[in-house]
């Protein structure tokens, strides 16, 4: 079984407060997810910010338009510094996503570290090299463009 990490960084020309307010509001995730992912939040979300222990359920279409359920838990939060979401139900054997933000000279540096393990053992490793890595690059490429459009 393969274990992988995907890392990315982006400079956002905004204040730490603006970036944190945006990324700590679960409903904003749809705004930075490609439409072809068919992303829809299915759980009832309070209007408030995320909190440790928050469970969020989604429907996504990661492959061939086939809808699947994805449930994540917000496991750790340090306000205006980082939060972690972990898959509880979904397409991966394991998914752990760390989101970090830090103020820098020209705005905020946002860093993501996704640690994941595809399902299906050896076949999942093949799928990672053929499909999953490319899909993650596309998703985070879209996110980069969406955040640039939102924050300038």
C-alpha atoms as a PDB file:
ATOM      1  CA  UNK A   1       0.000   0.000   0.000  1.00  0.00           C
ATOM      2  CA  UNK A   2       1.407   3.361  -1.038  1.00  0.00           C
ATOM      3  CA  UNK A   3       1.446   6.419   1.186  1.00  0.00           C
ATOM      4  CA  UNK A   4       1.848   9.822  -0.463  1.00  0.00           C
ATOM      5  CA  UNK A   5       2.104  13.503   0.309  1.00  0.00           C
ATOM      6  CA  UNK A   6       1.096  16.428  -1.832  1.00  0.00           C
ATOM      7  CA  UNK A   7       2.412  19.876  -0.876  1.00  0.00           C
ATOM      8  CA  UNK A   8       1.646  23.309  -2.238  1.00  0.00           C
ATOM      9  CA  UNK A   9       2.139  26.951  -1.260  1.00  0.00           C
ATOM     10  CA  UNK A  10       0.501  30.163  -2.396  1.00  0.00           C
ATOM     11  CA  UNK A  11       1.034  33.823  -1.598  1.00  0.00           C
ATOM     12  CA  UNK A  12      -2.299  35.588  -1.078  1.00  0.00           C
ATOM     13  CA  UNK A  13      -2.235  39.414  -1.156  1.00  0.00           C
ATOM     14  CA  UNK A  14      -4.582  39.911   1.803  1.00  0.00           C
ATOM     15  CA  UNK A  15      -4.492  40.215   5.566  1.00  0.00           C
ATOM     16  CA  UNK A  16      -4.330  37.210   7.870  1.00  0.00           C
ATOM     17  CA  UNK A  17      -7.824  38.123   9.151  1.00  0.00           C
ATOM     18  CA  UNK A  18      -9.325  38.145   5.636  1.00  0.00           C
ATOM     19  CA  UNK A  19      -7.728  34.838   4.666  1.00  0.00           C
ATOM     20  CA  UNK A  20      -8.649  33.129   7.945  1.00  0.00           C
ATOM     21  CA  UNK A  21     -12.248  34.349   7.758  1.00  0.00           C
ATOM     22  CA  UNK A  22     -12.523  32.890   4.258  1.00  0.00           C
ATOM     23  CA  UNK A  23     -10.835  29.507   4.786  1.00  0.00           C
ATOM     24  CA  UNK A  24     -12.414  28.838   8.186  1.00  0.00           C
ATOM     25  CA  UNK A  25     -15.921  29.103   6.739  1.00  0.00           C
ATOM     26  CA  UNK A  26     -16.800  25.640   5.376  1.00  0.00           C
ATOM     27  CA  UNK A  27     -19.321  26.889   2.790  1.00  0.00           C
ATOM     28  CA  UNK A  28     -16.492  28.741   0.999  1.00  0.00           C
ATOM     29  CA  UNK A  29     -14.893  25.437  -0.015  1.00  0.00           C
ATOM     30  CA  UNK A  30     -17.316  25.162  -2.929  1.00  0.00           C
ATOM     31  CA  UNK A  31     -16.042  28.508  -4.274  1.00  0.00           C
ATOM     32  CA  UNK A  32     -12.506  27.129  -4.615  1.00  0.00           C
ATOM     33  CA  UNK A  33     -13.353  23.634  -5.907  1.00  0.00           C
ATOM     34  CA  UNK A  34     -13.580  22.882  -9.650  1.00  0.00           C
ATOM     35  CA  UNK A  35     -17.159  22.524 -10.926  1.00  0.00           C
ATOM     36  CA  UNK A  36     -16.340  19.181 -12.550  1.00  0.00           C
ATOM     37  CA  UNK A  37     -15.842  17.761  -9.031  1.00  0.00           C
ATOM     38  CA  UNK A  38     -19.610  18.080  -8.519  1.00  0.00           C
ATOM     39  CA  UNK A  39     -18.917  19.313  -4.992  1.00  0.00           C
ATOM     40  CA  UNK A  40     -21.942  19.817  -2.744  1.00  0.00           C
ATOM     41  CA  UNK A  41     -22.040  20.101   1.040  1.00  0.00           C
ATOM     42  CA  UNK A  42     -24.793  17.780   2.281  1.00  0.00           C
ATOM     43  CA  UNK A  43     -24.589  18.360   6.036  1.00  0.00           C
ATOM     44  CA  UNK A  44     -26.416  21.152   7.803  1.00  0.00           C
ATOM     45  CA  UNK A  45     -23.795  23.758   8.635  1.00  0.00           C
ATOM     46  CA  UNK A  46     -24.226  26.501  11.159  1.00  0.00           C
ATOM     47  CA  UNK A  47     -23.270  29.952   9.887  1.00  0.00           C
ATOM     48  CA  UNK A  48     -20.384  30.010  12.317  1.00  0.00           C
ATOM     49  CA  UNK A  49     -16.775  29.179  11.649  1.00  0.00           C
ATOM     50  CA  UNK A  50     -15.436  25.657  11.837  1.00  0.00           C
ATOM     51  CA  UNK A  51     -14.529  24.165  15.190  1.00  0.00           C
ATOM     52  CA  UNK A  52     -12.611  21.073  16.363  1.00  0.00           C
ATOM     53  CA  UNK A  53     -14.846  18.034  16.032  1.00  0.00           C
ATOM     54  CA  UNK A  54     -17.007  19.567  13.289  1.00  0.00           C
ATOM     55  CA  UNK A  55     -18.203  16.897  10.857  1.00  0.00           C
ATOM     56  CA  UNK A  56     -18.849  18.003   7.281  1.00  0.00           C
ATOM     57  CA  UNK A  57     -20.351  15.711   4.651  1.00  0.00           C
ATOM     58  CA  UNK A  58     -20.160  16.275   0.910  1.00  0.00           C
ATOM     59  CA  UNK A  59     -21.060  14.654  -2.355  1.00  0.00           C
ATOM     60  CA  UNK A  60     -18.222  14.737  -4.868  1.00  0.00           C
ATOM     61  CA  UNK A  61     -17.581  13.266  -8.291  1.00  0.00           C
ATOM     62  CA  UNK A  62     -13.846  12.645  -8.331  1.00  0.00           C
ATOM     63  CA  UNK A  63     -13.925  10.235 -11.278  1.00  0.00           C
ATOM     64  CA  UNK A  64     -16.168   9.784 -14.326  1.00  0.00           C
ATOM     65  CA  UNK A  65     -18.953  11.883 -12.799  1.00  0.00           C
ATOM     66  CA  UNK A  66     -19.740   9.146 -10.275  1.00  0.00           C
ATOM     67  CA  UNK A  67     -21.070  10.713  -7.049  1.00  0.00           C
ATOM     68  CA  UNK A  68     -19.539   9.532  -3.809  1.00  0.00           C
ATOM     69  CA  UNK A  69     -19.951  10.557  -0.195  1.00  0.00           C
ATOM     70  CA  UNK A  70     -17.027  12.230   1.541  1.00  0.00           C
ATOM     71  CA  UNK A  71     -17.158  12.962   5.273  1.00  0.00           C
ATOM     72  CA  UNK A  72     -14.423  14.959   6.981  1.00  0.00           C
ATOM     73  CA  UNK A  73     -13.784  15.940  10.557  1.00  0.00           C
ATOM     74  CA  UNK A  74     -12.039  19.152  11.546  1.00  0.00           C
ATOM     75  CA  UNK A  75      -9.594  17.675  14.050  1.00  0.00           C
ATOM     76  CA  UNK A  76      -7.321  20.590  14.971  1.00  0.00           C
ATOM     77  CA  UNK A  77      -7.550  24.369  14.802  1.00  0.00           C
ATOM     78  CA  UNK A  78      -5.241  27.135  15.886  1.00  0.00           C
ATOM     79  CA  UNK A  79      -7.005  30.343  14.890  1.00  0.00           C
ATOM     80  CA  UNK A  80      -5.261  32.356  12.173  1.00  0.00           C
ATOM     81  CA  UNK A  81      -2.489  29.731  11.947  1.00  0.00           C
ATOM     82  CA  UNK A  82      -3.773  26.322  10.842  1.00  0.00           C
ATOM     83  CA  UNK A  83      -6.483  23.706  10.769  1.00  0.00           C
ATOM     84  CA  UNK A  84      -6.556  20.012   9.912  1.00  0.00           C
ATOM     85  CA  UNK A  85      -9.287  18.006   8.263  1.00  0.00           C
ATOM     86  CA  UNK A  86      -9.328  14.216   8.122  1.00  0.00           C
ATOM     87  CA  UNK A  87     -11.503  11.952   6.021  1.00  0.00           C
ATOM     88  CA  UNK A  88     -13.862   9.763   8.041  1.00  0.00           C
ATOM     89  CA  UNK A  89     -15.784   8.316   5.063  1.00  0.00           C
ATOM     90  CA  UNK A  90     -14.712   8.600   1.452  1.00  0.00           C
ATOM     91  CA  UNK A  91     -12.687   7.420  -1.490  1.00  0.00           C
ATOM     92  CA  UNK A  92      -9.288   7.194   0.242  1.00  0.00           C
ATOM     93  CA  UNK A  93      -8.001   4.642   2.712  1.00  0.00           C
ATOM     94  CA  UNK A  94      -6.523   7.627   4.558  1.00  0.00           C
ATOM     95  CA  UNK A  95      -6.676  11.412   4.008  1.00  0.00           C
ATOM     96  CA  UNK A  96      -5.130  14.018   6.321  1.00  0.00           C
ATOM     97  CA  UNK A  97      -5.059  17.626   5.095  1.00  0.00           C
ATOM     98  CA  UNK A  98      -3.124  20.328   6.947  1.00  0.00           C
ATOM     99  CA  UNK A  99      -3.836  23.984   6.056  1.00  0.00           C
ATOM    100  CA  UNK A 100      -1.321  26.560   7.314  1.00  0.00           C
ATOM    101  CA  UNK A 101      -1.368  30.339   6.948  1.00  0.00           C
ATOM    102  CA  UNK A 102       1.245  32.835   8.046  1.00  0.00           C
ATOM    103  CA  UNK A 103       1.600  36.570   7.547  1.00  0.00           C
ATOM    104  CA  UNK A 104       4.473  37.536   5.272  1.00  0.00           C
ATOM    105  CA  UNK A 105       5.664  40.826   3.804  1.00  0.00           C
ATOM    106  CA  UNK A 106       3.245  40.903   0.850  1.00  0.00           C
ATOM    107  CA  UNK A 107       0.241  39.176   2.407  1.00  0.00           C
ATOM    108  CA  UNK A 108      -0.316  35.645   3.631  1.00  0.00           C
ATOM    109  CA  UNK A 109       1.564  32.485   2.725  1.00  0.00           C
ATOM    110  CA  UNK A 110      -0.849  29.569   2.612  1.00  0.00           C
ATOM    111  CA  UNK A 111       0.630  26.070   2.681  1.00  0.00           C
ATOM    112  CA  UNK A 112      -1.203  22.781   2.265  1.00  0.00           C
ATOM    113  CA  UNK A 113       0.106  19.328   3.088  1.00  0.00           C
ATOM    114  CA  UNK A 114      -2.123  16.450   2.040  1.00  0.00           C
ATOM    115  CA  UNK A 115      -1.071  13.026   3.306  1.00  0.00           C
ATOM    116  CA  UNK A 116      -3.096  10.255   1.738  1.00  0.00           C
ATOM    117  CA  UNK A 117      -3.316   6.589   0.948  1.00  0.00           C
ATOM    118  CA  UNK A 118      -5.358   5.469  -2.059  1.00  0.00           C
ATOM    119  CA  UNK A 119      -7.630   2.431  -1.696  1.00  0.00           C
ATOM    120  CA  UNK A 120      -7.022  -0.956  -3.313  1.00  0.00           C
ATOM    121  CA  UNK A 121      -3.373  -1.488  -2.297  1.00  0.00           C
ATOM    122  CA  UNK A 122      -1.100  -2.024  -5.310  1.00  0.00           C
ATOM    123  CA  UNK A 123      -3.823  -0.913  -7.738  1.00  0.00           C
ATOM    124  CA  UNK A 124      -4.275   2.286  -5.731  1.00  0.00           C
ATOM    125  CA  UNK A 125      -0.553   2.974  -6.120  1.00  0.00           C
ATOM    126  CA  UNK A 126      -0.890   2.586  -9.877  1.00  0.00           C
ATOM    127  CA  UNK A 127      -3.951   4.874  -9.835  1.00  0.00           C
ATOM    128  CA  UNK A 128      -1.924   7.432  -7.896  1.00  0.00           C
ATOM    129  CA  UNK A 129       0.821   7.568 -10.499  1.00  0.00           C
ATOM    130  CA  UNK A 130      -1.630   7.651 -13.421  1.00  0.00           C
ATOM    131  CA  UNK A 131      -4.529   9.692 -12.089  1.00  0.00           C
ATOM    132  CA  UNK A 132      -4.605  10.863  -8.468  1.00  0.00           C
ATOM    133  CA  UNK A 133      -1.447  13.017  -8.468  1.00  0.00           C
ATOM    134  CA  UNK A 134      -2.610  14.762 -11.637  1.00  0.00           C
ATOM    135  CA  UNK A 135      -6.112  15.275 -10.200  1.00  0.00           C
ATOM    136  CA  UNK A 136      -4.661  16.853  -7.026  1.00  0.00           C
ATOM    137  CA  UNK A 137      -2.509  19.168  -9.145  1.00  0.00           C
ATOM    138  CA  UNK A 138      -5.600  20.199 -11.114  1.00  0.00           C
ATOM    139  CA  UNK A 139      -7.723  20.767  -7.994  1.00  0.00           C
ATOM    140  CA  UNK A 140      -5.078  22.869  -6.274  1.00  0.00           C
ATOM    141  CA  UNK A 141      -4.303  24.691  -9.536  1.00  0.00           C
ATOM    142  CA  UNK A 142      -7.967  25.661  -9.721  1.00  0.00           C
ATOM    143  CA  UNK A 143      -7.884  26.673  -6.056  1.00  0.00           C
ATOM    144  CA  UNK A 144      -4.838  28.867  -6.711  1.00  0.00           C
ATOM    145  CA  UNK A 145      -6.662  30.699  -9.533  1.00  0.00           C
ATOM    146  CA  UNK A 146      -9.895  31.023  -7.527  1.00  0.00           C
ATOM    147  CA  UNK A 147      -8.096  32.506  -4.510  1.00  0.00           C
ATOM    148  CA  UNK A 148      -6.215  34.899  -6.798  1.00  0.00           C
ATOM    149  CA  UNK A 149      -9.533  36.032  -8.264  1.00  0.00           C
ATOM    150  CA  UNK A 150     -11.118  36.415  -4.809  1.00  0.00           C
ATOM    151  CA  UNK A 151      -8.214  38.231  -3.147  1.00  0.00           C
ATOM    152  CA  UNK A 152      -6.614  39.956  -6.137  1.00  0.00           C
END
